[in-house]
Protein backbone atom coordinates (compact mmCIF):
# COMPACT_ATOMS: atom_id res chain seq x y z
CA MET A 1 -66.62 -49.58 -9.28
CA ASN A 2 -63.14 -49.99 -8.36
CA SER A 3 -60.36 -47.77 -9.06
CA LEU A 4 -56.94 -48.08 -9.15
CA LEU A 5 -56.97 -51.81 -9.17
CA PHE A 6 -52.65 -51.82 -10.39
CA LEU A 7 -52.40 -50.78 -6.46
CA ASN A 8 -53.50 -54.42 -5.44
CA ASP A 9 -51.18 -56.16 -8.07
CA PRO A 10 -47.63 -54.92 -7.73
CA ILE A 11 -46.01 -58.12 -9.48
CA THR A 12 -48.26 -56.85 -12.67
CA VAL A 13 -47.10 -53.12 -12.18
CA PHE A 14 -43.13 -54.33 -11.97
CA PHE A 15 -43.38 -56.88 -14.87
CA ILE A 16 -44.81 -54.06 -16.91
CA ALA A 17 -42.56 -51.65 -16.10
CA ILE A 18 -39.51 -54.21 -17.22
CA LEU A 19 -41.34 -54.98 -20.75
CA SER A 20 -42.38 -51.43 -21.51
CA TRP A 21 -37.96 -50.85 -22.05
CA PRO A 22 -39.15 -50.61 -26.02
CA VAL A 23 -41.70 -47.70 -25.37
CA TYR A 24 -39.42 -45.86 -22.97
CA LYS A 25 -36.85 -45.93 -25.79
CA CYS A 26 -39.15 -44.44 -27.87
CA LEU A 27 -40.11 -41.51 -25.78
CA ALA A 28 -36.82 -40.76 -25.45
CA LYS A 29 -35.69 -40.44 -29.06
CA VAL A 30 -38.74 -37.94 -29.06
CA PHE A 31 -37.64 -35.56 -26.55
CA PHE A 32 -34.02 -35.99 -26.59
CA GLY A 33 -33.27 -36.76 -30.13
CA GLU A 34 -32.52 -39.99 -32.42
CA GLN A 35 -29.37 -40.65 -31.17
CA TYR A 36 -30.60 -39.31 -27.35
CA GLU A 37 -27.70 -36.14 -28.23
CA LYS A 38 -29.69 -33.76 -26.12
CA LEU A 39 -30.09 -36.07 -23.15
CA GLY A 40 -26.49 -35.20 -21.36
CA GLN A 41 -27.42 -31.59 -21.77
CA VAL A 42 -30.91 -32.51 -20.24
CA ILE A 43 -29.27 -34.30 -17.23
CA LYS A 44 -26.75 -31.51 -16.74
CA TYR A 45 -29.50 -28.68 -16.26
CA VAL A 46 -31.89 -31.33 -13.60
CA ILE A 47 -28.57 -32.03 -11.44
CA GLN A 48 -27.48 -28.39 -11.77
CA TRP A 49 -29.11 -25.63 -9.52
CA ASP A 50 -31.69 -23.03 -10.92
CA TRP A 51 -29.67 -20.27 -9.37
CA THR A 52 -26.40 -21.26 -10.97
CA SER A 53 -27.97 -21.50 -14.29
CA ALA A 54 -29.83 -18.13 -13.79
CA LYS A 55 -26.15 -16.51 -12.79
CA GLN A 56 -24.67 -18.22 -16.16
CA GLY A 57 -27.40 -16.82 -18.16
CA LYS A 58 -29.09 -20.10 -19.13
CA TYR A 59 -32.08 -20.01 -16.21
CA TRP A 60 -34.75 -20.80 -19.69
CA GLU A 61 -32.75 -23.42 -21.21
CA ASP A 62 -32.69 -25.05 -17.34
CA TRP A 63 -36.49 -24.64 -17.11
CA ASP A 64 -36.87 -25.90 -20.65
CA ALA A 65 -34.69 -29.10 -19.99
CA SER A 66 -36.20 -29.82 -16.89
CA LEU A 67 -39.36 -29.73 -17.67
CA LYS A 68 -38.70 -32.10 -20.75
CA PHE A 69 -37.04 -34.04 -18.41
CA ASN A 70 -40.03 -34.41 -15.90
CA VAL A 71 -42.23 -34.74 -18.52
CA PHE A 72 -40.85 -37.65 -19.98
CA ILE A 73 -40.70 -39.21 -16.60
CA VAL A 74 -44.32 -38.45 -16.19
CA MET A 75 -45.30 -40.21 -19.25
CA CYS A 76 -43.07 -43.49 -18.78
CA ILE A 77 -44.91 -43.72 -14.98
CA GLY A 78 -47.93 -42.96 -16.70
CA TRP A 79 -47.90 -45.48 -19.76
CA VAL A 80 -46.90 -48.28 -16.52
CA ILE A 81 -49.65 -46.98 -14.63
CA ALA A 82 -52.30 -47.29 -17.31
CA VAL A 83 -51.06 -50.39 -18.76
CA SER A 84 -51.33 -52.22 -15.42
CA GLU A 85 -54.47 -50.64 -14.82
CA LEU A 86 -55.83 -52.20 -17.98
CA ILE A 87 -54.73 -55.83 -17.53
CA CYS A 88 -56.01 -55.51 -13.57
CA ARG A 89 -59.24 -54.78 -14.52
CA TYR A 90 -58.83 -57.42 -17.58
CA LYS A 91 -58.03 -60.12 -15.08
CA LEU A 92 -61.05 -59.05 -12.79
CA GLY A 93 -63.75 -58.36 -15.49
């Protein structure tokens, strides 16, 4: 059985990544609010060093924001990989 067929078809991965824009928007609304009101704060904490947040007494807010952002990114990448893999397996079979 072949595994990770999407690695052999980067064009499919590229197109799925582009066409998945509505999925990214939906996930962003779930993670950052309907109007992305928490996105600015999350990006600030992702960019800011952890020790700076700890000095300000906001370490756990930083940790939470960084975790949210990382999970969001992993879910977006996972979506692209999963859909690309399904399409590649369908084309092969």
